[in-house]
Amino acid sequence: MTRQNDLTPDEEEALREVARGGLMQKVIPAKARERLIELGYIEQKLGGLAATARGKLYFGRRRRR
């Protein structure tokens, strides 16, 4: 059973790319981008996409499950 905040493998990979650091200018799938923004994991900045604190913590939480 998946929870609403669980990410698909594509969304997880997109978040990983954005969370690697700095502002992201690489294109990620629009559907994944929209959902990650909706969940508060990434945000649109003037120079591109950036992971939020919640987005950076996502992978730490996943390891502890």
N, C-alpha and C. Protein backbone atom coordinates (compact mmCIF):
# COMPACT_ATOMS: atom_id res chain seq x y z
N MET A 1 0.84 -1.18 0.00
CA MET A 1 0.00 0.00 0.00
C MET A 1 0.88 1.25 0.00
N THR A 2 0.68 2.14 -0.94
CA THR A 2 1.47 3.36 -1.00
C THR A 2 0.71 4.51 -0.37
N ARG A 3 1.45 5.40 0.25
CA ARG A 3 0.86 6.59 0.82
C ARG A 3 0.93 7.71 -0.20
N GLN A 4 0.13 8.74 0.00
CA GLN A 4 0.05 9.84 -0.95
C GLN A 4 1.40 10.55 -1.11
N ASN A 5 2.20 10.61 -0.05
CA ASN A 5 3.48 11.30 -0.13
C ASN A 5 4.61 10.42 -0.66
N ASP A 6 4.34 9.12 -0.88
CA ASP A 6 5.36 8.26 -1.47
C ASP A 6 5.57 8.66 -2.92
N LEU A 7 6.80 8.65 -3.33
CA LEU A 7 7.13 9.06 -4.70
C LEU A 7 7.31 7.85 -5.60
N THR A 8 7.01 8.03 -6.87
CA THR A 8 7.28 7.00 -7.86
C THR A 8 8.80 6.99 -8.10
N PRO A 9 9.32 5.94 -8.71
CA PRO A 9 10.75 5.93 -9.01
C PRO A 9 11.18 7.14 -9.87
N ASP A 10 10.36 7.56 -10.82
CA ASP A 10 10.70 8.72 -11.65
C ASP A 10 10.73 10.00 -10.83
N GLU A 11 9.77 10.15 -9.91
CA GLU A 11 9.74 11.34 -9.06
C GLU A 11 10.93 11.35 -8.10
N GLU A 12 11.28 10.17 -7.58
CA GLU A 12 12.44 10.07 -6.69
C GLU A 12 13.72 10.45 -7.41
N GLU A 13 13.87 10.00 -8.63
CA GLU A 13 15.07 10.33 -9.41
C GLU A 13 15.12 11.83 -9.70
N ALA A 14 13.98 12.41 -10.02
CA ALA A 14 13.93 13.86 -10.28
C ALA A 14 14.31 14.63 -9.02
N LEU A 15 13.78 14.22 -7.87
CA LEU A 15 14.12 14.88 -6.61
C LEU A 15 15.60 14.72 -6.30
N ARG A 16 16.14 13.54 -6.55
CA ARG A 16 17.57 13.29 -6.32
C ARG A 16 18.42 14.25 -7.18
N GLU A 17 18.02 14.43 -8.43
CA GLU A 17 18.75 15.34 -9.32
C GLU A 17 18.73 16.77 -8.79
N VAL A 18 17.57 17.22 -8.35
CA VAL A 18 17.44 18.60 -7.85
C VAL A 18 18.20 18.75 -6.53
N ALA A 19 18.13 17.74 -5.67
CA ALA A 19 18.74 17.83 -4.33
C ALA A 19 20.26 17.72 -4.36
N ARG A 20 20.83 17.37 -5.49
CA ARG A 20 22.30 17.23 -5.56
C ARG A 20 23.02 18.52 -5.26
N GLY A 21 22.34 19.62 -5.36
CA GLY A 21 22.96 20.88 -4.95
C GLY A 21 22.77 21.99 -5.95
N GLY A 22 22.73 23.18 -5.41
CA GLY A 22 22.60 24.37 -6.24
C GLY A 22 21.25 24.45 -6.93
N LEU A 23 21.11 25.44 -7.76
CA LEU A 23 19.88 25.59 -8.54
C LEU A 23 19.96 24.67 -9.74
N MET A 24 18.89 23.99 -10.00
CA MET A 24 18.85 23.01 -11.08
C MET A 24 18.31 23.65 -12.34
N GLN A 25 19.03 23.48 -13.41
CA GLN A 25 18.56 23.99 -14.69
C GLN A 25 18.24 22.86 -15.66
N LYS A 26 18.58 21.63 -15.27
CA LYS A 26 18.27 20.46 -16.09
C LYS A 26 16.76 20.26 -16.13
N VAL A 27 16.28 19.79 -17.25
CA VAL A 27 14.85 19.56 -17.42
C VAL A 27 14.48 18.22 -16.78
N ILE A 28 13.44 18.25 -15.95
CA ILE A 28 12.88 17.01 -15.41
C ILE A 28 11.45 16.92 -15.92
N PRO A 29 10.88 15.74 -15.96
CA PRO A 29 9.52 15.60 -16.48
C PRO A 29 8.54 16.55 -15.78
N ALA A 30 7.69 17.20 -16.57
CA ALA A 30 6.75 18.19 -16.04
C ALA A 30 5.85 17.61 -14.97
N LYS A 31 5.37 16.39 -15.17
CA LYS A 31 4.47 15.76 -14.21
C LYS A 31 5.18 15.56 -12.86
N ALA A 32 6.42 15.10 -12.91
CA ALA A 32 7.20 14.91 -11.68
C ALA A 32 7.47 16.25 -11.02
N ARG A 33 7.86 17.24 -11.81
CA ARG A 33 8.14 18.59 -11.28
C ARG A 33 6.91 19.15 -10.57
N GLU A 34 5.75 19.05 -11.20
CA GLU A 34 4.52 19.58 -10.60
C GLU A 34 4.20 18.89 -9.28
N ARG A 35 4.32 17.59 -9.24
CA ARG A 35 4.00 16.85 -8.00
C ARG A 35 5.00 17.16 -6.90
N LEU A 36 6.29 17.26 -7.24
CA LEU A 36 7.30 17.57 -6.23
C LEU A 36 7.09 18.97 -5.66
N ILE A 37 6.67 19.91 -6.49
CA ILE A 37 6.36 21.26 -6.01
C ILE A 37 5.12 21.20 -5.12
N GLU A 38 4.10 20.48 -5.56
CA GLU A 38 2.86 20.35 -4.79
C GLU A 38 3.11 19.75 -3.41
N LEU A 39 4.01 18.77 -3.33
CA LEU A 39 4.32 18.12 -2.05
C LEU A 39 5.29 18.95 -1.20
N GLY A 40 5.85 20.01 -1.78
CA GLY A 40 6.77 20.87 -1.03
C GLY A 40 8.20 20.37 -0.99
N TYR A 41 8.56 19.47 -1.91
CA TYR A 41 9.93 18.94 -1.96
C TYR A 41 10.88 19.81 -2.77
N ILE A 42 10.36 20.51 -3.76
CA ILE A 42 11.18 21.42 -4.56
C ILE A 42 10.42 22.73 -4.74
N GLU A 43 11.15 23.76 -5.15
CA GLU A 43 10.52 25.04 -5.44
C GLU A 43 11.18 25.67 -6.65
N GLN A 44 10.41 26.48 -7.32
CA GLN A 44 10.93 27.21 -8.49
C GLN A 44 11.59 28.48 -8.00
N LYS A 45 12.85 28.67 -8.33
CA LYS A 45 13.59 29.88 -8.00
C LYS A 45 13.88 30.61 -9.31
N LEU A 46 14.36 31.81 -9.21
CA LEU A 46 14.65 32.61 -10.39
C LEU A 46 15.61 31.90 -11.35
N GLY A 47 16.61 31.20 -10.81
CA GLY A 47 17.60 30.54 -11.65
C GLY A 47 17.32 29.10 -11.97
N GLY A 48 16.22 28.54 -11.50
CA GLY A 48 15.90 27.14 -11.77
C GLY A 48 15.18 26.51 -10.59
N LEU A 49 15.30 25.20 -10.46
CA LEU A 49 14.65 24.47 -9.39
C LEU A 49 15.61 24.26 -8.23
N ALA A 50 15.08 24.26 -7.02
CA ALA A 50 15.89 24.01 -5.83
C ALA A 50 15.11 23.11 -4.88
N ALA A 51 15.83 22.23 -4.22
CA ALA A 51 15.20 21.36 -3.22
C ALA A 51 14.92 22.17 -1.97
N THR A 52 13.78 21.94 -1.36
CA THR A 52 13.45 22.57 -0.09
C THR A 52 14.09 21.73 1.02
N ALA A 53 14.02 22.22 2.26
CA ALA A 53 14.54 21.44 3.39
C ALA A 53 13.81 20.11 3.47
N ARG A 54 12.51 20.13 3.22
CA ARG A 54 11.72 18.89 3.23
C ARG A 54 12.21 17.92 2.15
N GLY A 55 12.52 18.45 0.98
CA GLY A 55 13.02 17.61 -0.10
C GLY A 55 14.37 17.00 0.21
N LYS A 56 15.24 17.77 0.87
CA LYS A 56 16.55 17.26 1.25
C LYS A 56 16.44 16.18 2.31
N LEU A 57 15.44 16.29 3.19
CA LEU A 57 15.25 15.30 4.24
C LEU A 57 14.56 14.03 3.75
N TYR A 58 13.96 14.07 2.60
CA TYR A 58 13.20 12.92 2.08
C TYR A 58 14.04 11.64 2.07
N PHE A 59 15.25 11.72 1.59
CA PHE A 59 16.07 10.52 1.46
C PHE A 59 16.54 9.99 2.81
N GLY A 60 16.76 10.86 3.78
CA GLY A 60 17.10 10.43 5.13
C GLY A 60 15.96 9.65 5.76
N ARG A 61 14.73 10.10 5.56
CA ARG A 61 13.56 9.41 6.09
C ARG A 61 13.40 8.04 5.42
N ARG A 62 13.65 7.98 4.11
CA ARG A 62 13.48 6.73 3.36
C ARG A 62 14.43 5.65 3.90
N ARG A 63 15.64 6.03 4.28
CA ARG A 63 16.63 5.05 4.76
C ARG A 63 16.23 4.46 6.11
N ARG A 64 15.52 5.24 6.94
CA ARG A 64 15.17 4.79 8.28
C ARG A 64 13.96 3.88 8.31
N ARG A 65 13.19 3.78 7.25
CA ARG A 65 11.98 2.95 7.24
C ARG A 65 12.29 1.50 7.30
